[in-house]
Amino acid sequence: MRLGDIHGSAFSIGGSNNTNTVHHGGPQAGAPGAPELLEAVLDLRAALVRLPRGADRSALDAELDGAAGDLEGAEEIRPGLVTRLREALERWAPLVESVSAATALGGLLATLGG
């Protein structure tokens, strides 16, 4: 999975006959903050519970837990966190390709750049 810049448009991520579309942007849309990113990370973490346990899922769980810890109570997103999360989604794309929460998180990350 490779995420680029997306401004005021929609994108889809899919595989295995699954397609998830998330729309971000619009005239009033601003960059999401730490609370929105934390919510997306927690949503993906919760969705992963339904997937089989394995080394890849454990590693992604740990990455998401670390990101959630960095975002909890934060007013701003720490430098490097967006890139770290984007790389995690790319690394474990086969694991999360059918999880709509991954699409939502990917949309936020695309909005934030990094």
PDB file of N, CA and C in Angstrom:
ATOM      1  N   MET A   1       0.858  -1.161   0.000  1.00  0.00           N
ATOM      2  CA  MET A   1       0.000   0.000   0.000  1.00  0.00           C
ATOM      3  C   MET A   1       0.904   1.223   0.000  1.00  0.00           C
ATOM      4  N   ARG A   2       0.619   2.166  -0.821  1.00  0.00           N
ATOM      5  CA  ARG A   2       1.389   3.407  -0.881  1.00  0.00           C
ATOM      6  C   ARG A   2       0.389   4.543  -0.811  1.00  0.00           C
ATOM      7  N   LEU A   3       0.569   5.449   0.144  1.00  0.00           N
ATOM      8  CA  LEU A   3      -0.330   6.579   0.302  1.00  0.00           C
ATOM      9  C   LEU A   3       0.382   7.854  -0.109  1.00  0.00           C
ATOM     10  N   GLY A   4      -0.245   8.618  -0.966  1.00  0.00           N
ATOM     11  CA  GLY A   4       0.320   9.891  -1.396  1.00  0.00           C
ATOM     12  C   GLY A   4      -0.521  11.031  -0.878  1.00  0.00           C
ATOM     13  N   ASP A   5      -0.357  12.189  -1.469  1.00  0.00           N
ATOM     14  CA  ASP A   5      -1.148  13.348  -1.062  1.00  0.00           C
ATOM     15  C   ASP A   5      -2.522  13.289  -1.705  1.00  0.00           C
ATOM     16  N   ILE A   6      -3.529  13.532  -0.890  1.00  0.00           N
ATOM     17  CA  ILE A   6      -4.906  13.555  -1.378  1.00  0.00           C
ATOM     18  C   ILE A   6      -5.553  14.785  -0.765  1.00  0.00           C
ATOM     19  N   HIS A   7      -6.017  15.680  -1.590  1.00  0.00           N
ATOM     20  CA  HIS A   7      -6.636  16.907  -1.104  1.00  0.00           C
ATOM     21  C   HIS A   7      -8.017  17.046  -1.714  1.00  0.00           C
ATOM     22  N   GLY A   8      -9.035  17.129  -0.867  1.00  0.00           N
ATOM     23  CA  GLY A   8     -10.383  17.375  -1.333  1.00  0.00           C
ATOM     24  C   GLY A   8     -10.918  16.333  -2.289  1.00  0.00           C
ATOM     25  N   SER A   9     -10.522  15.083  -2.105  1.00  0.00           N
ATOM     26  CA  SER A   9     -10.982  14.052  -3.023  1.00  0.00           C
ATOM     27  C   SER A   9     -11.202  12.753  -2.267  1.00  0.00           C
ATOM     28  N   ALA A  10     -11.507  11.719  -2.996  1.00  0.00           N
ATOM     29  CA  ALA A  10     -11.757  10.408  -2.411  1.00  0.00           C
ATOM     30  C   ALA A  10     -10.703   9.435  -2.910  1.00  0.00           C
ATOM     31  N   PHE A  11     -10.513   8.367  -2.162  1.00  0.00           N
ATOM     32  CA  PHE A  11      -9.611   7.318  -2.611  1.00  0.00           C
ATOM     33  C   PHE A  11     -10.139   5.992  -2.107  1.00  0.00           C
ATOM     34  N   SER A  12      -9.669   4.940  -2.714  1.00  0.00           N
ATOM     35  CA  SER A  12     -10.081   3.600  -2.320  1.00  0.00           C
ATOM     36  C   SER A  12      -8.852   2.741  -2.115  1.00  0.00           C
ATOM     37  N   ILE A  13      -8.940   1.865  -1.144  1.00  0.00           N
ATOM     38  CA  ILE A  13      -7.919   0.860  -0.905  1.00  0.00           C
ATOM     39  C   ILE A  13      -8.662  -0.451  -0.854  1.00  0.00           C
ATOM     40  N   GLY A  14      -8.237  -1.430  -1.606  1.00  0.00           N
ATOM     41  CA  GLY A  14      -8.969  -2.686  -1.575  1.00  0.00           C
ATOM     42  C   GLY A  14      -8.128  -3.819  -2.085  1.00  0.00           C
ATOM     43  N   GLY A  15      -8.576  -4.981  -1.795  1.00  0.00           N
ATOM     44  CA  GLY A  15      -7.931  -6.197  -2.238  1.00  0.00           C
ATOM     45  C   GLY A  15      -8.831  -7.345  -1.850  1.00  0.00           C
ATOM     46  N   SER A  16      -8.593  -8.470  -2.379  1.00  0.00           N
ATOM     47  CA  SER A  16      -9.392  -9.645  -2.039  1.00  0.00           C
ATOM     48  C   SER A  16     -10.880  -9.380  -2.215  1.00  0.00           C
ATOM     49  N   ASN A  17     -11.212  -8.668  -3.280  1.00  0.00           N
ATOM     50  CA  ASN A  17     -12.604  -8.322  -3.599  1.00  0.00           C
ATOM     51  C   ASN A  17     -13.258  -7.420  -2.565  1.00  0.00           C
ATOM     52  N   ASN A  18     -12.467  -6.671  -1.797  1.00  0.00           N
ATOM     53  CA  ASN A  18     -12.987  -5.702  -0.837  1.00  0.00           C
ATOM     54  C   ASN A  18     -12.507  -4.323  -1.245  1.00  0.00           C
ATOM     55  N   THR A  19     -13.395  -3.361  -1.238  1.00  0.00           N
ATOM     56  CA  THR A  19     -13.022  -1.982  -1.527  1.00  0.00           C
ATOM     57  C   THR A  19     -13.637  -1.100  -0.462  1.00  0.00           C
ATOM     58  N   ASN A  20     -12.830  -0.225   0.085  1.00  0.00           N
ATOM     59  CA  ASN A  20     -13.272   0.718   1.102  1.00  0.00           C
ATOM     60  C   ASN A  20     -12.957   2.108   0.589  1.00  0.00           C
ATOM     61  N   THR A  21     -13.914   3.000   0.642  1.00  0.00           N
ATOM     62  CA  THR A  21     -13.706   4.355   0.161  1.00  0.00           C
ATOM     63  C   THR A  21     -13.951   5.322   1.299  1.00  0.00           C
ATOM     64  N   VAL A  22     -13.047   6.292   1.426  1.00  0.00           N
ATOM     65  CA  VAL A  22     -13.173   7.315   2.454  1.00  0.00           C
ATOM     66  C   VAL A  22     -13.049   8.659   1.760  1.00  0.00           C
ATOM     67  N   HIS A  23     -13.934   9.575   2.079  1.00  0.00           N
ATOM     68  CA  HIS A  23     -13.893  10.912   1.513  1.00  0.00           C
ATOM     69  C   HIS A  23     -13.380  11.868   2.577  1.00  0.00           C
ATOM     70  N   HIS A  24     -12.361  12.628   2.234  1.00  0.00           N
ATOM     71  CA  HIS A  24     -11.834  13.660   3.114  1.00  0.00           C
ATOM     72  C   HIS A  24     -11.693  14.924   2.295  1.00  0.00           C
ATOM     73  N   GLY A  25     -11.834  16.045   2.954  1.00  0.00           N
ATOM     74  CA  GLY A  25     -11.638  17.305   2.258  1.00  0.00           C
ATOM     75  C   GLY A  25     -12.926  18.069   2.139  1.00  0.00           C
ATOM     76  N   GLY A  26     -12.909  19.037   1.299  1.00  0.00           N
ATOM     77  CA  GLY A  26     -14.056  19.912   1.135  1.00  0.00           C
ATOM     78  C   GLY A  26     -13.673  21.319   1.558  1.00  0.00           C
ATOM     79  N   PRO A  27     -14.549  22.264   1.336  1.00  0.00           N
ATOM     80  CA  PRO A  27     -14.204  23.653   1.589  1.00  0.00           C
ATOM     81  C   PRO A  27     -13.871  23.968   3.042  1.00  0.00           C
ATOM     82  N   GLN A  28     -14.535  23.331   4.004  1.00  0.00           N
ATOM     83  CA  GLN A  28     -14.290  23.633   5.403  1.00  0.00           C
ATOM     84  C   GLN A  28     -13.310  22.658   6.065  1.00  0.00           C
ATOM     85  N   ALA A  29     -12.814  21.714   5.324  1.00  0.00           N
ATOM     86  CA  ALA A  29     -11.973  20.693   5.932  1.00  0.00           C
ATOM     87  C   ALA A  29     -10.598  21.257   6.259  1.00  0.00           C
ATOM     88  N   GLY A  30     -10.168  21.031   7.490  1.00  0.00           N
ATOM     89  CA  GLY A  30      -8.824  21.411   7.902  1.00  0.00           C
ATOM     90  C   GLY A  30      -8.049  20.152   8.231  1.00  0.00           C
ATOM     91  N   ALA A  31      -6.804  20.314   8.536  1.00  0.00           N
ATOM     92  CA  ALA A  31      -5.987  19.163   8.901  1.00  0.00           C
ATOM     93  C   ALA A  31      -6.478  18.604  10.232  1.00  0.00           C
ATOM     94  N   PRO A  32      -6.604  17.292  10.310  1.00  0.00           N
ATOM     95  CA  PRO A  32      -7.041  16.689  11.572  1.00  0.00           C
ATOM     96  C   PRO A  32      -5.979  16.897  12.640  1.00  0.00           C
ATOM     97  N   GLY A  33      -6.416  16.903  13.871  1.00  0.00           N
ATOM     98  CA  GLY A  33      -5.500  17.070  14.988  1.00  0.00           C
ATOM     99  C   GLY A  33      -5.248  15.752  15.693  1.00  0.00           C
ATOM    100  N   ALA A  34      -4.553  15.835  16.800  1.00  0.00           N
ATOM    101  CA  ALA A  34      -4.203  14.648  17.571  1.00  0.00           C
ATOM    102  C   ALA A  34      -5.437  13.841  18.007  1.00  0.00           C
ATOM    103  N   PRO A  35      -6.529  14.485  18.451  1.00  0.00           N
ATOM    104  CA  PRO A  35      -7.696  13.694  18.860  1.00  0.00           C
ATOM    105  C   PRO A  35      -8.295  12.864  17.721  1.00  0.00           C
ATOM    106  N   GLU A  36      -8.361  13.438  16.521  1.00  0.00           N
ATOM    107  CA  GLU A  36      -8.909  12.704  15.378  1.00  0.00           C
ATOM    108  C   GLU A  36      -8.000  11.545  14.984  1.00  0.00           C
ATOM    109  N   LEU A  37      -6.704  11.796  15.007  1.00  0.00           N
ATOM    110  CA  LEU A  37      -5.758  10.732  14.667  1.00  0.00           C
ATOM    111  C   LEU A  37      -5.785   9.635  15.720  1.00  0.00           C
ATOM    112  N   LEU A  38      -5.883  10.011  16.984  1.00  0.00           N
ATOM    113  CA  LEU A  38      -5.986   9.013  18.057  1.00  0.00           C
ATOM    114  C   LEU A  38      -7.227   8.148  17.869  1.00  0.00           C
ATOM    115  N   GLU A  39      -8.349   8.764  17.541  1.00  0.00           N
ATOM    116  CA  GLU A  39      -9.585   8.010  17.318  1.00  0.00           C
ATOM    117  C   GLU A  39      -9.418   7.002  16.183  1.00  0.00           C
ATOM    118  N   ALA A  40      -8.776   7.421  15.093  1.00  0.00           N
ATOM    119  CA  ALA A  40      -8.563   6.516  13.959  1.00  0.00           C
ATOM    120  C   ALA A  40      -7.630   5.372  14.328  1.00  0.00           C
ATOM    121  N   VAL A  41      -6.582   5.656  15.094  1.00  0.00           N
ATOM    122  CA  VAL A  41      -5.655   4.613  15.540  1.00  0.00           C
ATOM    123  C   VAL A  41      -6.380   3.613  16.432  1.00  0.00           C
ATOM    124  N   LEU A  42      -7.184   4.114  17.364  1.00  0.00           N
ATOM    125  CA  LEU A  42      -7.928   3.227  18.265  1.00  0.00           C
ATOM    126  C   LEU A  42      -8.973   2.405  17.513  1.00  0.00           C
ATOM    127  N   ASP A  43      -9.612   3.013  16.507  1.00  0.00           N
ATOM    128  CA  ASP A  43     -10.580   2.268  15.693  1.00  0.00           C
ATOM    129  C   ASP A  43      -9.905   1.108  14.968  1.00  0.00           C
ATOM    130  N   LEU A  44      -8.727   1.369  14.402  1.00  0.00           N
ATOM    131  CA  LEU A  44      -8.006   0.295  13.721  1.00  0.00           C
ATOM    132  C   LEU A  44      -7.570  -0.767  14.720  1.00  0.00           C
ATOM    133  N   ARG A  45      -7.091  -0.349  15.860  1.00  0.00           N
ATOM    134  CA  ARG A  45      -6.662  -1.300  16.903  1.00  0.00           C
ATOM    135  C   ARG A  45      -7.827  -2.207  17.302  1.00  0.00           C
ATOM    136  N   ALA A  46      -9.009  -1.635  17.458  1.00  0.00           N
ATOM    137  CA  ALA A  46     -10.196  -2.419  17.820  1.00  0.00           C
ATOM    138  C   ALA A  46     -10.592  -3.366  16.690  1.00  0.00           C
ATOM    139  N   ALA A  47     -10.474  -2.921  15.444  1.00  0.00           N
ATOM    140  CA  ALA A  47     -10.833  -3.769  14.300  1.00  0.00           C
ATOM    141  C   ALA A  47      -9.875  -4.951  14.163  1.00  0.00           C
ATOM    142  N   LEU A  48      -8.636  -4.774  14.554  1.00  0.00           N
ATOM    143  CA  LEU A  48      -7.644  -5.856  14.441  1.00  0.00           C
ATOM    144  C   LEU A  48      -7.951  -7.030  15.368  1.00  0.00           C
ATOM    145  N   VAL A  49      -8.712  -6.786  16.404  1.00  0.00           N
ATOM    146  CA  VAL A  49      -9.058  -7.865  17.348  1.00  0.00           C
ATOM    147  C   VAL A  49      -9.765  -9.002  16.633  1.00  0.00           C
ATOM    148  N   ARG A  50     -10.468  -8.694  15.561  1.00  0.00           N
ATOM    149  CA  ARG A  50     -11.218  -9.720  14.823  1.00  0.00           C
ATOM    150  C   ARG A  50     -10.341 -10.533  13.872  1.00  0.00           C
ATOM    151  N   LEU A  51      -9.090 -10.105  13.678  1.00  0.00           N
ATOM    152  CA  LEU A  51      -8.187 -10.821  12.781  1.00  0.00           C
ATOM    153  C   LEU A  51      -7.426 -11.906  13.538  1.00  0.00           C
ATOM    154  N   PRO A  52      -6.984 -12.942  12.833  1.00  0.00           N
ATOM    155  CA  PRO A  52      -6.215 -13.999  13.492  1.00  0.00           C
ATOM    156  C   PRO A  52      -4.934 -13.448  14.115  1.00  0.00           C
ATOM    157  N   ARG A  53      -4.575 -14.008  15.257  1.00  0.00           N
ATOM    158  CA  ARG A  53      -3.365 -13.593  15.967  1.00  0.00           C
ATOM    159  C   ARG A  53      -2.147 -14.176  15.260  1.00  0.00           C
ATOM    160  N   GLY A  54      -1.121 -13.387  15.112  1.00  0.00           N
ATOM    161  CA  GLY A  54       0.114 -13.835  14.489  1.00  0.00           C
ATOM    162  C   GLY A  54       1.199 -12.808  14.737  1.00  0.00           C
ATOM    163  N   ALA A  55       2.393 -13.077  14.251  1.00  0.00           N
ATOM    164  CA  ALA A  55       3.528 -12.182  14.479  1.00  0.00           C
ATOM    165  C   ALA A  55       3.280 -10.806  13.856  1.00  0.00           C
ATOM    166  N   ASP A  56       2.727 -10.782  12.639  1.00  0.00           N
ATOM    167  CA  ASP A  56       2.469  -9.498  11.986  1.00  0.00           C
ATOM    168  C   ASP A  56       1.441  -8.680  12.749  1.00  0.00           C
ATOM    169  N   ARG A  57       0.382  -9.332  13.164  1.00  0.00           N
ATOM    170  CA  ARG A  57      -0.643  -8.606  13.911  1.00  0.00           C
ATOM    171  C   ARG A  57      -0.103  -8.115  15.238  1.00  0.00           C
ATOM    172  N   SER A  58       0.699  -8.917  15.914  1.00  0.00           N
ATOM    173  CA  SER A  58       1.297  -8.497  17.186  1.00  0.00           C
ATOM    174  C   SER A  58       2.189  -7.280  16.997  1.00  0.00           C
ATOM    175  N   ALA A  59       2.971  -7.284  15.916  1.00  0.00           N
ATOM    176  CA  ALA A  59       3.853  -6.149  15.643  1.00  0.00           C
ATOM    177  C   ALA A  59       3.044  -4.890  15.328  1.00  0.00           C
ATOM    178  N   LEU A  60       1.983  -5.033  14.540  1.00  0.00           N
ATOM    179  CA  LEU A  60       1.138  -3.881  14.225  1.00  0.00           C
ATOM    180  C   LEU A  60       0.402  -3.409  15.474  1.00  0.00           C
ATOM    181  N   ASP A  61      -0.081  -4.325  16.287  1.00  0.00           N
ATOM    182  CA  ASP A  61      -0.719  -3.954  17.554  1.00  0.00           C
ATOM    183  C   ASP A  61       0.231  -3.097  18.394  1.00  0.00           C
ATOM    184  N   ALA A  62       1.479  -3.519  18.494  1.00  0.00           N
ATOM    185  CA  ALA A  62       2.471  -2.789  19.291  1.00  0.00           C
ATOM    186  C   ALA A  62       2.718  -1.396  18.716  1.00  0.00           C
ATOM    187  N   GLU A  63       2.800  -1.315  17.400  1.00  0.00           N
ATOM    188  CA  GLU A  63       3.010  -0.011  16.746  1.00  0.00           C
ATOM    189  C   GLU A  63       1.830   0.916  17.015  1.00  0.00           C
ATOM    190  N   LEU A  64       0.610   0.392  16.904  1.00  0.00           N
ATOM    191  CA  LEU A  64      -0.579   1.211  17.141  1.00  0.00           C
ATOM    192  C   LEU A  64      -0.698   1.604  18.611  1.00  0.00           C
ATOM    193  N   ASP A  65      -0.343   0.691  19.512  1.00  0.00           N
ATOM    194  CA  ASP A  65      -0.363   1.027  20.936  1.00  0.00           C
ATOM    195  C   ASP A  65       0.621   2.151  21.248  1.00  0.00           C
ATOM    196  N   GLY A  66       1.807   2.089  20.631  1.00  0.00           N
ATOM    197  CA  GLY A  66       2.794   3.150  20.830  1.00  0.00           C
ATOM    198  C   GLY A  66       2.312   4.484  20.298  1.00  0.00           C
ATOM    199  N   ALA A  67       1.692   4.458  19.128  1.00  0.00           N
ATOM    200  CA  ALA A  67       1.161   5.694  18.538  1.00  0.00           C
ATOM    201  C   ALA A  67       0.039   6.259  19.406  1.00  0.00           C
ATOM    202  N   ALA A  68      -0.826   5.376  19.906  1.00  0.00           N
ATOM    203  CA  ALA A  68      -1.918   5.832  20.769  1.00  0.00           C
ATOM    204  C   ALA A  68      -1.354   6.480  22.032  1.00  0.00           C
ATOM    205  N   GLY A  69      -0.301   5.884  22.580  1.00  0.00           N
ATOM    206  CA  GLY A  69       0.335   6.473  23.761  1.00  0.00           C
ATOM    207  C   GLY A  69       0.895   7.861  23.476  1.00  0.00           C
ATOM    208  N   ASP A  70       1.464   8.043  22.289  1.00  0.00           N
ATOM    209  CA  ASP A  70       1.996   9.350  21.904  1.00  0.00           C
ATOM    210  C   ASP A  70       0.887  10.381  21.694  1.00  0.00           C
ATOM    211  N   LEU A  71      -0.288   9.929  21.290  1.00  0.00           N
ATOM    212  CA  LEU A  71      -1.385  10.842  20.984  1.00  0.00           C
ATOM    213  C   LEU A  71      -2.295  11.121  22.180  1.00  0.00           C
ATOM    214  N   GLU A  72      -2.316  10.224  23.134  1.00  0.00           N
ATOM    215  CA  GLU A  72      -3.206  10.356  24.294  1.00  0.00           C
ATOM    216  C   GLU A  72      -2.924  11.665  25.032  1.00  0.00           C
ATOM    217  N   GLY A  73      -3.920  12.537  25.081  1.00  0.00           N
ATOM    218  CA  GLY A  73      -3.798  13.807  25.790  1.00  0.00           C
ATOM    219  C   GLY A  73      -2.942  14.843  25.077  1.00  0.00           C
ATOM    220  N   ALA A  74      -2.427  14.534  23.898  1.00  0.00           N
ATOM    221  CA  ALA A  74      -1.574  15.470  23.167  1.00  0.00           C
ATOM    222  C   ALA A  74      -2.418  16.539  22.484  1.00  0.00           C
ATOM    223  N   GLU A  75      -1.899  17.742  22.463  1.00  0.00           N
ATOM    224  CA  GLU A  75      -2.568  18.817  21.739  1.00  0.00           C
ATOM    225  C   GLU A  75      -2.093  18.872  20.295  1.00  0.00           C
ATOM    226  N   GLU A  76      -0.863  18.424  20.061  1.00  0.00           N
ATOM    227  CA  GLU A  76      -0.296  18.419  18.713  1.00  0.00           C
ATOM    228  C   GLU A  76       0.241  17.031  18.394  1.00  0.00           C
ATOM    229  N   ILE A  77       0.341  16.738  17.114  1.00  0.00           N
ATOM    230  CA  ILE A  77       0.896  15.468  16.656  1.00  0.00           C
ATOM    231  C   ILE A  77       2.414  15.605  16.637  1.00  0.00           C
ATOM    232  N   ARG A  78       3.084  14.705  17.345  1.00  0.00           N
ATOM    233  CA  ARG A  78       4.550  14.760  17.416  1.00  0.00           C
ATOM    234  C   ARG A  78       5.174  14.543  16.043  1.00  0.00           C
ATOM    235  N   PRO A  79       6.274  15.254  15.766  1.00  0.00           N
ATOM    236  CA  PRO A  79       6.972  15.066  14.485  1.00  0.00           C
ATOM    237  C   PRO A  79       7.368  13.594  14.297  1.00  0.00           C
ATOM    238  N   GLY A  80       7.192  13.114  13.103  1.00  0.00           N
ATOM    239  CA  GLY A  80       7.571  11.743  12.777  1.00  0.00           C
ATOM    240  C   GLY A  80       6.484  10.716  12.992  1.00  0.00           C
ATOM    241  N   LEU A  81       5.458  11.039  13.761  1.00  0.00           N
ATOM    242  CA  LEU A  81       4.409  10.053  14.055  1.00  0.00           C
ATOM    243  C   LEU A  81       3.598   9.712  12.813  1.00  0.00           C
ATOM    244  N   VAL A  82       3.269  10.708  12.011  1.00  0.00           N
ATOM    245  CA  VAL A  82       2.490  10.460  10.794  1.00  0.00           C
ATOM    246  C   VAL A  82       3.269   9.539   9.859  1.00  0.00           C
ATOM    247  N   THR A  83       4.556   9.807   9.699  1.00  0.00           N
ATOM    248  CA  THR A  83       5.396   8.962   8.841  1.00  0.00           C
ATOM    249  C   THR A  83       5.477   7.548   9.401  1.00  0.00           C
ATOM    250  N   ARG A  84       5.646   7.437  10.701  1.00  0.00           N
ATOM    251  CA  ARG A  84       5.720   6.115  11.349  1.00  0.00           C
ATOM    252  C   ARG A  84       4.443   5.314  11.117  1.00  0.00           C
ATOM    253  N   LEU A  85       3.284   5.944  11.270  1.00  0.00           N
ATOM    254  CA  LEU A  85       2.012   5.253  11.048  1.00  0.00           C
ATOM    255  C   LEU A  85       1.815   4.891   9.583  1.00  0.00           C
ATOM    256  N   ARG A  86       2.191   5.801   8.700  1.00  0.00           N
ATOM    257  CA  ARG A  86       2.069   5.527   7.261  1.00  0.00           C
ATOM    258  C   ARG A  86       2.927   4.324   6.889  1.00  0.00           C
ATOM    259  N   GLU A  87       4.154   4.273   7.383  1.00  0.00           N
ATOM    260  CA  GLU A  87       5.039   3.144   7.101  1.00  0.00           C
ATOM    261  C   GLU A  87       4.495   1.836   7.675  1.00  0.00           C
ATOM    262  N   ALA A  88       3.852   1.914   8.842  1.00  0.00           N
ATOM    263  CA  ALA A  88       3.246   0.717   9.436  1.00  0.00           C
ATOM    264  C   ALA A  88       2.116   0.192   8.555  1.00  0.00           C
ATOM    265  N   LEU A  89       1.272   1.083   8.046  1.00  0.00           N
ATOM    266  CA  LEU A  89       0.184   0.653   7.160  1.00  0.00           C
ATOM    267  C   LEU A  89       0.731   0.053   5.878  1.00  0.00           C
ATOM    268  N   GLU A  90       1.794   0.639   5.353  1.00  0.00           N
ATOM    269  CA  GLU A  90       2.402   0.098   4.140  1.00  0.00           C
ATOM    270  C   GLU A  90       3.029  -1.269   4.407  1.00  0.00           C
ATOM    271  N   ARG A  91       3.726  -1.404   5.523  1.00  0.00           N
ATOM    272  CA  ARG A  91       4.412  -2.653   5.863  1.00  0.00           C
ATOM    273  C   ARG A  91       3.427  -3.794   6.061  1.00  0.00           C
ATOM    274  N   TRP A  92       2.320  -3.498   6.724  1.00  0.00           N
ATOM    275  CA  TRP A  92       1.350  -4.554   7.025  1.00  0.00           C
ATOM    276  C   TRP A  92       0.095  -4.438   6.164  1.00  0.00           C
ATOM    277  N   ALA A  93       0.235  -3.936   4.949  1.00  0.00           N
ATOM    278  CA  ALA A  93      -0.900  -3.778   4.035  1.00  0.00           C
ATOM    279  C   ALA A  93      -1.672  -5.071   3.811  1.00  0.00           C
ATOM    280  N   PRO A  94      -1.003  -6.216   3.604  1.00  0.00           N
ATOM    281  CA  PRO A  94      -1.782  -7.449   3.394  1.00  0.00           C
ATOM    282  C   PRO A  94      -2.660  -7.802   4.601  1.00  0.00           C
ATOM    283  N   LEU A  95      -2.237  -7.410   5.775  1.00  0.00           N
ATOM    284  CA  LEU A  95      -3.001  -7.703   6.984  1.00  0.00           C
ATOM    285  C   LEU A  95      -4.230  -6.808   7.102  1.00  0.00           C
ATOM    286  N   VAL A  96      -4.103  -5.550   6.694  1.00  0.00           N
ATOM    287  CA  VAL A  96      -5.178  -4.580   6.933  1.00  0.00           C
ATOM    288  C   VAL A  96      -5.945  -4.170   5.682  1.00  0.00           C
ATOM    289  N   GLU A  97      -5.644  -4.788   4.529  1.00  0.00           N
ATOM    290  CA  GLU A  97      -6.256  -4.331   3.282  1.00  0.00           C
ATOM    291  C   GLU A  97      -7.781  -4.402   3.271  1.00  0.00           C
ATOM    292  N   SER A  98      -8.380  -5.274   4.040  1.00  0.00           N
ATOM    293  CA  SER A  98      -9.838  -5.387   4.035  1.00  0.00           C
ATOM    294  C   SER A  98     -10.474  -4.743   5.265  1.00  0.00           C
ATOM    295  N   VAL A  99      -9.702  -4.031   6.061  1.00  0.00           N
ATOM    296  CA  VAL A  99     -10.214  -3.402   7.281  1.00  0.00           C
ATOM    297  C   VAL A  99     -10.519  -1.935   6.987  1.00  0.00           C
ATOM    298  N   SER A 100     -11.780  -1.571   7.051  1.00  0.00           N
ATOM    299  CA  SER A 100     -12.168  -0.201   6.706  1.00  0.00           C
ATOM    300  C   SER A 100     -11.539   0.822   7.644  1.00  0.00           C
ATOM    301  N   ALA A 101     -11.253   0.447   8.890  1.00  0.00           N
ATOM    302  CA  ALA A 101     -10.602   1.370   9.816  1.00  0.00           C
ATOM    303  C   ALA A 101      -9.205   1.739   9.321  1.00  0.00           C
ATOM    304  N   ALA A 102      -8.540   0.841   8.613  1.00  0.00           N
ATOM    305  CA  ALA A 102      -7.227   1.145   8.034  1.00  0.00           C
ATOM    306  C   ALA A 102      -7.375   2.180   6.930  1.00  0.00           C
ATOM    307  N   THR A 103      -8.443   2.105   6.173  1.00  0.00           N
ATOM    308  CA  THR A 103      -8.710   3.085   5.131  1.00  0.00           C
ATOM    309  C   THR A 103      -8.933   4.458   5.734  1.00  0.00           C
ATOM    310  N   ALA A 104      -9.687   4.513   6.813  1.00  0.00           N
ATOM    311  CA  ALA A 104      -9.941   5.788   7.481  1.00  0.00           C
ATOM    312  C   ALA A 104      -8.650   6.390   8.027  1.00  0.00           C
ATOM    313  N   LEU A 105      -7.825   5.568   8.662  1.00  0.00           N
ATOM    314  CA  LEU A 105      -6.543   6.047   9.179  1.00  0.00           C
ATOM    315  C   LEU A 105      -5.652   6.501   8.030  1.00  0.00           C
ATOM    316  N   GLY A 106      -5.625   5.751   6.950  1.00  0.00           N
ATOM    317  CA  GLY A 106      -4.844   6.139   5.779  1.00  0.00           C
ATOM    318  C   GLY A 106      -5.278   7.479   5.220  1.00  0.00           C
ATOM    319  N   GLY A 107      -6.578   7.731   5.228  1.00  0.00           N
ATOM    320  CA  GLY A 107      -7.091   9.026   4.756  1.00  0.00           C
ATOM    321  C   GLY A 107      -6.608  10.166   5.609  1.00  0.00           C
ATOM    322  N   LEU A 108      -6.632   9.991   6.932  1.00  0.00           N
ATOM    323  CA  LEU A 108      -6.135  11.031   7.825  1.00  0.00           C
ATOM    324  C   LEU A 108      -4.642  11.259   7.617  1.00  0.00           C
ATOM    325  N   LEU A 109      -3.891  10.178   7.476  1.00  0.00           N
ATOM    326  CA  LEU A 109      -2.458  10.311   7.263  1.00  0.00           C
ATOM    327  C   LEU A 109      -2.148  11.030   5.959  1.00  0.00           C
ATOM    328  N   ALA A 110      -2.929  10.747   4.917  1.00  0.00           N
ATOM    329  CA  ALA A 110      -2.745  11.438   3.648  1.00  0.00           C
ATOM    330  C   ALA A 110      -3.031  12.922   3.784  1.00  0.00           C
ATOM    331  N   THR A 111      -4.022  13.266   4.578  1.00  0.00           N
ATOM    332  CA  THR A 111      -4.360  14.665   4.818  1.00  0.00           C
ATOM    333  C   THR A 111      -3.233  15.374   5.554  1.00  0.00           C
ATOM    334  N   LEU A 112      -2.589  14.658   6.470  1.00  0.00           N
ATOM    335  CA  LEU A 112      -1.524  15.242   7.281  1.00  0.00           C
ATOM    336  C   LEU A 112      -0.176  15.291   6.588  1.00  0.00           C
ATOM    337  N   GLY A 113      -0.017  14.582   5.477  1.00  0.00           N
ATOM    338  CA  GLY A 113       1.283  14.539   4.813  1.00  0.00           C
ATOM    339  C   GLY A 113       2.253  13.659   5.596  1.00  0.00           C
ATOM    340  N   GLY A 114       3.526  13.888   5.441  1.00  0.00           N
ATOM    341  CA  GLY A 114       4.520  13.133   6.220  1.00  0.00           C
ATOM    342  C   GLY A 114       5.129  12.105   5.439  1.00  0.00           C
TER     343      GLY A 114
END
